[in-house]
Amino acid sequence: TVLYFVGIATCFGFAKDMSLFVKVLFILVPLILSGVMIG
């Protein structure tokens, strides 16, 4: 699950045609979910 969430965050991190807010949101949410999953 953590690998999946990190992969999603990485894919959105390399997306070029998104606004900064959307990009940060799509990166932070999977990373937060990864932290929760580990907890």
PDB file of all heavy atoms in Angstrom:
ATOM      1  N   THR A   1       0.822  -1.203   0.000  1.00  0.00           N
ATOM      2  CA  THR A   1       0.000   0.000   0.000  1.00  0.00           C
ATOM      3  C   THR A   1       0.863   1.262   0.000  1.00  0.00           C
ATOM      4  O   THR A   1       0.575   2.218  -0.722  1.00  0.00           O
ATOM      5  CB  THR A   1      -0.950  -0.001   1.211  1.00  0.00           C
ATOM      6  OG1 THR A   1      -1.713  -1.206   1.195  1.00  0.00           O
ATOM      7  CG2 THR A   1      -1.891   1.182   1.187  1.00  0.00           C
ATOM      8  N   VAL A   2       1.926   1.259   0.801  1.00  0.00           N
ATOM      9  CA  VAL A   2       2.809   2.423   0.848  1.00  0.00           C
ATOM     10  C   VAL A   2       3.503   2.609  -0.504  1.00  0.00           C
ATOM     11  O   VAL A   2       3.628   3.741  -0.997  1.00  0.00           O
ATOM     12  CB  VAL A   2       3.822   2.296   2.007  1.00  0.00           C
ATOM     13  CG1 VAL A   2       4.932   3.318   1.887  1.00  0.00           C
ATOM     14  CG2 VAL A   2       3.109   2.438   3.345  1.00  0.00           C
ATOM     15  N   LEU A   3       3.942   1.531  -1.118  1.00  0.00           N
ATOM     16  CA  LEU A   3       4.547   1.643  -2.448  1.00  0.00           C
ATOM     17  C   LEU A   3       3.555   2.208  -3.461  1.00  0.00           C
ATOM     18  O   LEU A   3       3.920   3.025  -4.310  1.00  0.00           O
ATOM     19  CB  LEU A   3       5.064   0.285  -2.918  1.00  0.00           C
ATOM     20  CG  LEU A   3       6.330  -0.223  -2.242  1.00  0.00           C
ATOM     21  CD1 LEU A   3       6.631  -1.646  -2.705  1.00  0.00           C
ATOM     22  CD2 LEU A   3       7.494   0.699  -2.544  1.00  0.00           C
ATOM     23  N   TYR A   4       2.309   1.800  -3.369  1.00  0.00           N
ATOM     24  CA  TYR A   4       1.264   2.306  -4.256  1.00  0.00           C
ATOM     25  C   TYR A   4       1.072   3.810  -4.060  1.00  0.00           C
ATOM     26  O   TYR A   4       1.043   4.583  -5.026  1.00  0.00           O
ATOM     27  CB  TYR A   4      -0.039   1.546  -3.989  1.00  0.00           C
ATOM     28  CG  TYR A   4      -1.222   2.038  -4.768  1.00  0.00           C
ATOM     29  CD1 TYR A   4      -1.331   1.785  -6.132  1.00  0.00           C
ATOM     30  CD2 TYR A   4      -2.233   2.751  -4.143  1.00  0.00           C
ATOM     31  CE1 TYR A   4      -2.426   2.237  -6.856  1.00  0.00           C
ATOM     32  CE2 TYR A   4      -3.323   3.206  -4.853  1.00  0.00           C
ATOM     33  CZ  TYR A   4      -3.423   2.951  -6.209  1.00  0.00           C
ATOM     34  OH  TYR A   4      -4.503   3.400  -6.917  1.00  0.00           O
ATOM     35  N   PHE A   5       0.937   4.239  -2.791  1.00  0.00           N
ATOM     36  CA  PHE A   5       0.734   5.661  -2.507  1.00  0.00           C
ATOM     37  C   PHE A   5       1.940   6.499  -2.915  1.00  0.00           C
ATOM     38  O   PHE A   5       1.787   7.598  -3.442  1.00  0.00           O
ATOM     39  CB  PHE A   5       0.423   5.878  -1.030  1.00  0.00           C
ATOM     40  CG  PHE A   5      -0.977   5.483  -0.638  1.00  0.00           C
ATOM     41  CD1 PHE A   5      -1.215   4.902   0.594  1.00  0.00           C
ATOM     42  CD2 PHE A   5      -2.052   5.701  -1.473  1.00  0.00           C
ATOM     43  CE1 PHE A   5      -2.497   4.541   0.977  1.00  0.00           C
ATOM     44  CE2 PHE A   5      -3.334   5.342  -1.104  1.00  0.00           C
ATOM     45  CZ  PHE A   5      -3.555   4.762   0.126  1.00  0.00           C
ATOM     46  N   VAL A   6       3.138   6.002  -2.675  1.00  0.00           N
ATOM     47  CA  VAL A   6       4.342   6.739  -3.075  1.00  0.00           C
ATOM     48  C   VAL A   6       4.427   6.813  -4.602  1.00  0.00           C
ATOM     49  O   VAL A   6       4.828   7.835  -5.161  1.00  0.00           O
ATOM     50  CB  VAL A   6       5.602   6.099  -2.456  1.00  0.00           C
ATOM     51  CG1 VAL A   6       6.869   6.663  -3.064  1.00  0.00           C
ATOM     52  CG2 VAL A   6       5.600   6.306  -0.949  1.00  0.00           C
ATOM     53  N   GLY A   7       4.035   5.750  -5.277  1.00  0.00           N
ATOM     54  CA  GLY A   7       4.009   5.767  -6.738  1.00  0.00           C
ATOM     55  C   GLY A   7       3.038   6.800  -7.281  1.00  0.00           C
ATOM     56  O   GLY A   7       3.346   7.523  -8.239  1.00  0.00           O
ATOM     57  N   ILE A   8       1.869   6.886  -6.663  1.00  0.00           N
ATOM     58  CA  ILE A   8       0.888   7.895  -7.077  1.00  0.00           C
ATOM     59  C   ILE A   8       1.455   9.296  -6.865  1.00  0.00           C
ATOM     60  O   ILE A   8       1.360  10.159  -7.737  1.00  0.00           O
ATOM     61  CB  ILE A   8      -0.435   7.718  -6.304  1.00  0.00           C
ATOM     62  CG1 ILE A   8      -1.161   6.465  -6.775  1.00  0.00           C
ATOM     63  CG2 ILE A   8      -1.336   8.930  -6.468  1.00  0.00           C
ATOM     64  CD1 ILE A   8      -2.380   6.117  -5.953  1.00  0.00           C
ATOM     65  N   ALA A   9       2.046   9.527  -5.690  1.00  0.00           N
ATOM     66  CA  ALA A   9       2.613  10.843  -5.394  1.00  0.00           C
ATOM     67  C   ALA A   9       3.727  11.188  -6.377  1.00  0.00           C
ATOM     68  O   ALA A   9       3.845  12.335  -6.823  1.00  0.00           O
ATOM     69  CB  ALA A   9       3.133  10.879  -3.956  1.00  0.00           C
ATOM     70  N   THR A  10       4.540  10.203  -6.731  1.00  0.00           N
ATOM     71  CA  THR A  10       5.629  10.435  -7.675  1.00  0.00           C
ATOM     72  C   THR A  10       5.091  10.783  -9.064  1.00  0.00           C
ATOM     73  O   THR A  10       5.597  11.703  -9.716  1.00  0.00           O
ATOM     74  CB  THR A  10       6.525   9.188  -7.762  1.00  0.00           C
ATOM     75  OG1 THR A  10       6.997   8.873  -6.453  1.00  0.00           O
ATOM     76  CG2 THR A  10       7.704   9.418  -8.670  1.00  0.00           C
ATOM     77  N   CYS A  11       4.081  10.066  -9.503  1.00  0.00           N
ATOM     78  CA  CYS A  11       3.493  10.356 -10.823  1.00  0.00           C
ATOM     79  C   CYS A  11       2.924  11.769 -10.876  1.00  0.00           C
ATOM     80  O   CYS A  11       3.128  12.484 -11.855  1.00  0.00           O
ATOM     81  CB  CYS A  11       2.407   9.344 -11.143  1.00  0.00           C
ATOM     82  SG  CYS A  11       3.031   7.706 -11.522  1.00  0.00           S
ATOM     83  N   PHE A  12       2.212  12.166  -9.835  1.00  0.00           N
ATOM     84  CA  PHE A  12       1.670  13.522  -9.822  1.00  0.00           C
ATOM     85  C   PHE A  12       2.774  14.560  -9.663  1.00  0.00           C
ATOM     86  O   PHE A  12       2.626  15.699 -10.095  1.00  0.00           O
ATOM     87  CB  PHE A  12       0.622  13.690  -8.725  1.00  0.00           C
ATOM     88  CG  PHE A  12      -0.709  13.111  -9.087  1.00  0.00           C
ATOM     89  CD1 PHE A  12      -1.255  12.080  -8.347  1.00  0.00           C
ATOM     90  CD2 PHE A  12      -1.413  13.587 -10.174  1.00  0.00           C
ATOM     91  CE1 PHE A  12      -2.482  11.536  -8.677  1.00  0.00           C
ATOM     92  CE2 PHE A  12      -2.647  13.049 -10.524  1.00  0.00           C
ATOM     93  CZ  PHE A  12      -3.170  12.027  -9.775  1.00  0.00           C
ATOM     94  N   GLY A  13       3.873  14.177  -9.035  1.00  0.00           N
ATOM     95  CA  GLY A  13       4.989  15.106  -8.892  1.00  0.00           C
ATOM     96  C   GLY A  13       5.629  15.453 -10.217  1.00  0.00           C
ATOM     97  O   GLY A  13       6.136  16.555 -10.401  1.00  0.00           O
ATOM     98  N   PHE A  14       5.614  14.517 -11.158  1.00  0.00           N
ATOM     99  CA  PHE A  14       6.207  14.761 -12.473  1.00  0.00           C
ATOM    100  C   PHE A  14       5.218  15.331 -13.487  1.00  0.00           C
ATOM    101  O   PHE A  14       5.597  15.640 -14.614  1.00  0.00           O
ATOM    102  CB  PHE A  14       6.822  13.471 -13.029  1.00  0.00           C
ATOM    103  CG  PHE A  14       8.080  13.068 -12.320  1.00  0.00           C
ATOM    104  CD1 PHE A  14       8.162  11.836 -11.683  1.00  0.00           C
ATOM    105  CD2 PHE A  14       9.176  13.909 -12.292  1.00  0.00           C
ATOM    106  CE1 PHE A  14       9.317  11.452 -11.027  1.00  0.00           C
ATOM    107  CE2 PHE A  14      10.343  13.537 -11.645  1.00  0.00           C
ATOM    108  CZ  PHE A  14      10.415  12.309 -11.007  1.00  0.00           C
ATOM    109  N   ALA A  15       3.960  15.467 -13.108  1.00  0.00           N
ATOM    110  CA  ALA A  15       2.962  16.036 -14.022  1.00  0.00           C
ATOM    111  C   ALA A  15       3.276  17.505 -14.269  1.00  0.00           C
ATOM    112  O   ALA A  15       3.567  18.251 -13.339  1.00  0.00           O
ATOM    113  CB  ALA A  15       1.564  15.876 -13.436  1.00  0.00           C
ATOM    114  N   LYS A  16       3.213  17.927 -15.516  1.00  0.00           N
ATOM    115  CA  LYS A  16       3.625  19.287 -15.876  1.00  0.00           C
ATOM    116  C   LYS A  16       2.463  20.252 -16.039  1.00  0.00           C
ATOM    117  O   LYS A  16       2.614  21.442 -15.859  1.00  0.00           O
ATOM    118  CB  LYS A  16       4.441  19.249 -17.160  1.00  0.00           C
ATOM    119  CG  LYS A  16       5.736  18.502 -16.995  1.00  0.00           C
ATOM    120  CD  LYS A  16       6.571  18.636 -18.232  1.00  0.00           C
ATOM    121  CE  LYS A  16       7.716  17.677 -18.201  1.00  0.00           C
ATOM    122  NZ  LYS A  16       8.924  18.111 -17.649  1.00  0.00           N
ATOM    123  N   ASP A  17       1.291  19.763 -16.381  1.00  0.00           N
ATOM    124  CA  ASP A  17       0.202  20.671 -16.706  1.00  0.00           C
ATOM    125  C   ASP A  17      -0.814  20.821 -15.571  1.00  0.00           C
ATOM    126  O   ASP A  17      -2.002  20.909 -15.813  1.00  0.00           O
ATOM    127  CB  ASP A  17      -0.494  20.218 -17.988  1.00  0.00           C
ATOM    128  CG  ASP A  17      -1.005  18.789 -17.888  1.00  0.00           C
ATOM    129  OD1 ASP A  17      -0.583  18.083 -16.965  1.00  0.00           O
ATOM    130  OD2 ASP A  17      -1.818  18.415 -18.739  1.00  0.00           O
ATOM    131  N   MET A  18      -0.326  20.883 -14.342  1.00  0.00           N
ATOM    132  CA  MET A  18      -1.202  21.075 -13.186  1.00  0.00           C
ATOM    133  C   MET A  18      -0.781  22.340 -12.452  1.00  0.00           C
ATOM    134  O   MET A  18       0.388  22.707 -12.452  1.00  0.00           O
ATOM    135  CB  MET A  18      -1.065  19.913 -12.203  1.00  0.00           C
ATOM    136  CG  MET A  18      -1.752  18.672 -12.563  1.00  0.00           C
ATOM    137  SD  MET A  18      -1.651  17.571 -11.139  1.00  0.00           S
ATOM    138  CE  MET A  18      -2.128  16.071 -11.879  1.00  0.00           C
ATOM    139  N   SER A  19      -1.755  22.947 -11.789  1.00  0.00           N
ATOM    140  CA  SER A  19      -1.400  24.100 -10.972  1.00  0.00           C
ATOM    141  C   SER A  19      -0.621  23.617  -9.738  1.00  0.00           C
ATOM    142  O   SER A  19      -0.690  22.445  -9.359  1.00  0.00           O
ATOM    143  CB  SER A  19      -2.659  24.853 -10.535  1.00  0.00           C
ATOM    144  OG  SER A  19      -3.391  24.084  -9.610  1.00  0.00           O
ATOM    145  N   LEU A  20       0.109  24.503  -9.127  1.00  0.00           N
ATOM    146  CA  LEU A  20       0.943  24.142  -7.983  1.00  0.00           C
ATOM    147  C   LEU A  20       0.104  23.624  -6.823  1.00  0.00           C
ATOM    148  O   LEU A  20       0.468  22.641  -6.179  1.00  0.00           O
ATOM    149  CB  LEU A  20       1.780  25.340  -7.533  1.00  0.00           C
ATOM    150  CG  LEU A  20       2.713  25.093  -6.364  1.00  0.00           C
ATOM    151  CD1 LEU A  20       3.747  24.035  -6.741  1.00  0.00           C
ATOM    152  CD2 LEU A  20       3.383  26.375  -5.947  1.00  0.00           C
ATOM    153  N   PHE A  21      -1.045  24.253  -6.572  1.00  0.00           N
ATOM    154  CA  PHE A  21      -1.909  23.824  -5.467  1.00  0.00           C
ATOM    155  C   PHE A  21      -2.397  22.399  -5.666  1.00  0.00           C
ATOM    156  O   PHE A  21      -2.353  21.583  -4.745  1.00  0.00           O
ATOM    157  CB  PHE A  21      -3.105  24.778  -5.330  1.00  0.00           C
ATOM    158  CG  PHE A  21      -4.104  24.329  -4.306  1.00  0.00           C
ATOM    159  CD1 PHE A  21      -3.830  24.444  -2.953  1.00  0.00           C
ATOM    160  CD2 PHE A  21      -5.314  23.775  -4.698  1.00  0.00           C
ATOM    161  CE1 PHE A  21      -4.748  24.020  -2.013  1.00  0.00           C
ATOM    162  CE2 PHE A  21      -6.234  23.353  -3.766  1.00  0.00           C
ATOM    163  CZ  PHE A  21      -5.951  23.483  -2.416  1.00  0.00           C
ATOM    164  N   VAL A  22      -2.859  22.091  -6.857  1.00  0.00           N
ATOM    165  CA  VAL A  22      -3.368  20.746  -7.147  1.00  0.00           C
ATOM    166  C   VAL A  22      -2.230  19.727  -7.057  1.00  0.00           C
ATOM    167  O   VAL A  22      -2.398  18.640  -6.502  1.00  0.00           O
ATOM    168  CB  VAL A  22      -4.052  20.705  -8.532  1.00  0.00           C
ATOM    169  CG1 VAL A  22      -4.419  19.291  -8.918  1.00  0.00           C
ATOM    170  CG2 VAL A  22      -5.268  21.607  -8.546  1.00  0.00           C
ATOM    171  N   LYS A  23      -1.078  20.080  -7.564  1.00  0.00           N
ATOM    172  CA  LYS A  23       0.076  19.185  -7.522  1.00  0.00           C
ATOM    173  C   LYS A  23       0.479  18.884  -6.078  1.00  0.00           C
ATOM    174  O   LYS A  23       0.692  17.731  -5.707  1.00  0.00           O
ATOM    175  CB  LYS A  23       1.248  19.786  -8.284  1.00  0.00           C
ATOM    176  CG  LYS A  23       2.397  18.825  -8.464  1.00  0.00           C
ATOM    177  CD  LYS A  23       3.563  19.480  -9.173  1.00  0.00           C
ATOM    178  CE  LYS A  23       3.369  19.418 -10.658  1.00  0.00           C
ATOM    179  NZ  LYS A  23       4.587  19.766 -11.407  1.00  0.00           N
ATOM    180  N   VAL A  24       0.544  19.923  -5.255  1.00  0.00           N
ATOM    181  CA  VAL A  24       0.905  19.727  -3.842  1.00  0.00           C
ATOM    182  C   VAL A  24      -0.155  18.887  -3.140  1.00  0.00           C
ATOM    183  O   VAL A  24       0.166  17.989  -2.358  1.00  0.00           O
ATOM    184  CB  VAL A  24       1.101  21.091  -3.141  1.00  0.00           C
ATOM    185  CG1 VAL A  24       1.189  20.938  -1.635  1.00  0.00           C
ATOM    186  CG2 VAL A  24       2.335  21.779  -3.678  1.00  0.00           C
ATOM    187  N   LEU A  25      -1.408  19.144  -3.437  1.00  0.00           N
ATOM    188  CA  LEU A  25      -2.499  18.374  -2.831  1.00  0.00           C
ATOM    189  C   LEU A  25      -2.423  16.900  -3.228  1.00  0.00           C
ATOM    190  O   LEU A  25      -2.545  16.009  -2.378  1.00  0.00           O
ATOM    191  CB  LEU A  25      -3.851  18.965  -3.260  1.00  0.00           C
ATOM    192  CG  LEU A  25      -5.083  18.359  -2.624  1.00  0.00           C
ATOM    193  CD1 LEU A  25      -5.136  18.731  -1.152  1.00  0.00           C
ATOM    194  CD2 LEU A  25      -6.321  18.849  -3.338  1.00  0.00           C
ATOM    195  N   PHE A  26      -2.184  16.643  -4.516  1.00  0.00           N
ATOM    196  CA  PHE A  26      -2.114  15.270  -4.999  1.00  0.00           C
ATOM    197  C   PHE A  26      -0.836  14.553  -4.576  1.00  0.00           C
ATOM    198  O   PHE A  26      -0.740  13.333  -4.716  1.00  0.00           O
ATOM    199  CB  PHE A  26      -2.249  15.233  -6.512  1.00  0.00           C
ATOM    200  CG  PHE A  26      -3.667  15.392  -7.006  1.00  0.00           C
ATOM    201  CD1 PHE A  26      -3.940  15.420  -8.355  1.00  0.00           C
ATOM    202  CD2 PHE A  26      -4.723  15.509  -6.132  1.00  0.00           C
ATOM    203  CE1 PHE A  26      -5.230  15.553  -8.826  1.00  0.00           C
ATOM    204  CE2 PHE A  26      -6.013  15.651  -6.584  1.00  0.00           C
ATOM    205  CZ  PHE A  26      -6.275  15.681  -7.935  1.00  0.00           C
ATOM    206  N   ILE A  27       0.141  15.287  -4.090  1.00  0.00           N
ATOM    207  CA  ILE A  27       1.347  14.663  -3.548  1.00  0.00           C
ATOM    208  C   ILE A  27       1.204  14.450  -2.049  1.00  0.00           C
ATOM    209  O   ILE A  27       1.557  13.391  -1.524  1.00  0.00           O
ATOM    210  CB  ILE A  27       2.594  15.513  -3.864  1.00  0.00           C
ATOM    211  CG1 ILE A  27       2.867  15.492  -5.368  1.00  0.00           C
ATOM    212  CG2 ILE A  27       3.811  15.017  -3.103  1.00  0.00           C
ATOM    213  CD1 ILE A  27       3.943  16.453  -5.811  1.00  0.00           C
ATOM    214  N   LEU A  28       0.659  15.437  -1.344  1.00  0.00           N
ATOM    215  CA  LEU A  28       0.567  15.340   0.116  1.00  0.00           C
ATOM    216  C   LEU A  28      -0.434  14.291   0.590  1.00  0.00           C
ATOM    217  O   LEU A  28      -0.163  13.584   1.561  1.00  0.00           O
ATOM    218  CB  LEU A  28       0.198  16.696   0.713  1.00  0.00           C
ATOM    219  CG  LEU A  28       1.334  17.685   0.870  1.00  0.00           C
ATOM    220  CD1 LEU A  28       0.828  18.980   1.485  1.00  0.00           C
ATOM    221  CD2 LEU A  28       2.444  17.107   1.718  1.00  0.00           C
ATOM    222  N   VAL A  29      -1.573  14.202  -0.045  1.00  0.00           N
ATOM    223  CA  VAL A  29      -2.604  13.256   0.408  1.00  0.00           C
ATOM    224  C   VAL A  29      -2.094  11.808   0.390  1.00  0.00           C
ATOM    225  O   VAL A  29      -2.216  11.105   1.401  1.00  0.00           O
ATOM    226  CB  VAL A  29      -3.913  13.427  -0.394  1.00  0.00           C
ATOM    227  CG1 VAL A  29      -4.887  12.310  -0.092  1.00  0.00           C
ATOM    228  CG2 VAL A  29      -4.542  14.770  -0.089  1.00  0.00           C
ATOM    229  N   PRO A  30      -1.495  11.314  -0.689  1.00  0.00           N
ATOM    230  CA  PRO A  30      -0.980   9.942  -0.647  1.00  0.00           C
ATOM    231  C   PRO A  30       0.148   9.753   0.376  1.00  0.00           C
ATOM    232  O   PRO A  30       0.241   8.707   1.014  1.00  0.00           O
ATOM    233  CB  PRO A  30      -0.455   9.690  -2.065  1.00  0.00           C
ATOM    234  CG  PRO A  30      -1.166  10.656  -2.920  1.00  0.00           C
ATOM    235  CD  PRO A  30      -1.421  11.841  -2.065  1.00  0.00           C
ATOM    236  N   LEU A  31       0.971  10.775   0.567  1.00  0.00           N
ATOM    237  CA  LEU A  31       2.047  10.651   1.548  1.00  0.00           C
ATOM    238  C   LEU A  31       1.498  10.623   2.978  1.00  0.00           C
ATOM    239  O   LEU A  31       1.986   9.871   3.822  1.00  0.00           O
ATOM    240  CB  LEU A  31       3.065  11.775   1.375  1.00  0.00           C
ATOM    241  CG  LEU A  31       3.851  11.730   0.069  1.00  0.00           C
ATOM    242  CD1 LEU A  31       4.826  12.898   0.000  1.00  0.00           C
ATOM    243  CD2 LEU A  31       4.579  10.416  -0.103  1.00  0.00           C
ATOM    244  N   ILE A  32       0.464  11.407   3.236  1.00  0.00           N
ATOM    245  CA  ILE A  32      -0.184  11.369   4.551  1.00  0.00           C
ATOM    246  C   ILE A  32      -0.844  10.017   4.772  1.00  0.00           C
ATOM    247  O   ILE A  32      -0.744   9.421   5.854  1.00  0.00           O
ATOM    248  CB  ILE A  32      -1.193  12.520   4.692  1.00  0.00           C
ATOM    249  CG1 ILE A  32      -0.449  13.851   4.771  1.00  0.00           C
ATOM    250  CG2 ILE A  32      -2.087  12.330   5.903  1.00  0.00           C
ATOM    251  CD1 ILE A  32      -1.342  15.072   4.662  1.00  0.00           C
ATOM    252  N   LEU A  33      -1.512   9.503   3.750  1.00  0.00           N
ATOM    253  CA  LEU A  33      -2.132   8.184   3.858  1.00  0.00           C
ATOM    254  C   LEU A  33      -1.083   7.092   4.085  1.00  0.00           C
ATOM    255  O   LEU A  33      -1.336   6.129   4.815  1.00  0.00           O
ATOM    256  CB  LEU A  33      -2.952   7.877   2.606  1.00  0.00           C
ATOM    257  CG  LEU A  33      -4.237   8.689   2.449  1.00  0.00           C
ATOM    258  CD1 LEU A  33      -4.865   8.404   1.093  1.00  0.00           C
ATOM    259  CD2 LEU A  33      -5.207   8.384   3.562  1.00  0.00           C
ATOM    260  N   SER A  34       0.090   7.243   3.505  1.00  0.00           N
ATOM    261  CA  SER A  34       1.179   6.289   3.739  1.00  0.00           C
ATOM    262  C   SER A  34       1.603   6.313   5.202  1.00  0.00           C
ATOM    263  O   SER A  34       1.813   5.263   5.816  1.00  0.00           O
ATOM    264  CB  SER A  34       2.394   6.623   2.866  1.00  0.00           C
ATOM    265  OG  SER A  34       2.081   6.471   1.523  1.00  0.00           O
ATOM    266  N   GLY A  35       1.716   7.508   5.757  1.00  0.00           N
ATOM    267  CA  GLY A  35       2.067   7.624   7.173  1.00  0.00           C
ATOM    268  C   GLY A  35       1.030   7.000   8.080  1.00  0.00           C
ATOM    269  O   GLY A  35       1.363   6.315   9.056  1.00  0.00           O
ATOM    270  N   VAL A  36      -0.231   7.212   7.754  1.00  0.00           N
ATOM    271  CA  VAL A  36      -1.316   6.615   8.542  1.00  0.00           C
ATOM    272  C   VAL A  36      -1.273   5.089   8.441  1.00  0.00           C
ATOM    273  O   VAL A  36      -1.437   4.378   9.437  1.00  0.00           O
ATOM    274  CB  VAL A  36      -2.684   7.165   8.090  1.00  0.00           C
ATOM    275  CG1 VAL A  36      -3.823   6.385   8.707  1.00  0.00           C
ATOM    276  CG2 VAL A  36      -2.793   8.639   8.421  1.00  0.00           C
ATOM    277  N   MET A  37      -1.028   4.595   7.253  1.00  0.00           N
ATOM    278  CA  MET A  37      -0.950   3.139   7.049  1.00  0.00           C
ATOM    279  C   MET A  37       0.182   2.536   7.864  1.00  0.00           C
ATOM    280  O   MET A  37       0.023   1.468   8.467  1.00  0.00           O
ATOM    281  CB  MET A  37      -0.765   2.848   5.556  1.00  0.00           C
ATOM    282  CG  MET A  37      -0.796   1.405   5.201  1.00  0.00           C
ATOM    283  SD  MET A  37      -2.459   0.762   5.390  1.00  0.00           S
ATOM    284  CE  MET A  37      -2.175  -0.942   5.034  1.00  0.00           C
ATOM    285  N   ILE A  38       1.317   3.198   7.907  1.00  0.00           N
ATOM    286  CA  ILE A  38       2.447   2.700   8.693  1.00  0.00           C
ATOM    287  C   ILE A  38       2.094   2.726  10.182  1.00  0.00           C
ATOM    288  O   ILE A  38       2.394   1.777  10.912  1.00  0.00           O
ATOM    289  CB  ILE A  38       3.713   3.527   8.393  1.00  0.00           C
ATOM    290  CG1 ILE A  38       4.184   3.231   6.969  1.00  0.00           C
ATOM    291  CG2 ILE A  38       4.819   3.227   9.400  1.00  0.00           C
ATOM    292  CD1 ILE A  38       5.266   4.153   6.461  1.00  0.00           C
ATOM    293  N   GLY A  39       1.424   3.778  10.627  1.00  0.00           N
ATOM    294  CA  GLY A  39       1.002   3.853  12.027  1.00  0.00           C
ATOM    295  C   GLY A  39       0.043   2.742  12.411  1.00  0.00           C
ATOM    296  O   GLY A  39       0.156   2.143  13.485  1.00  0.00           O
TER     297      GLY A  39
END
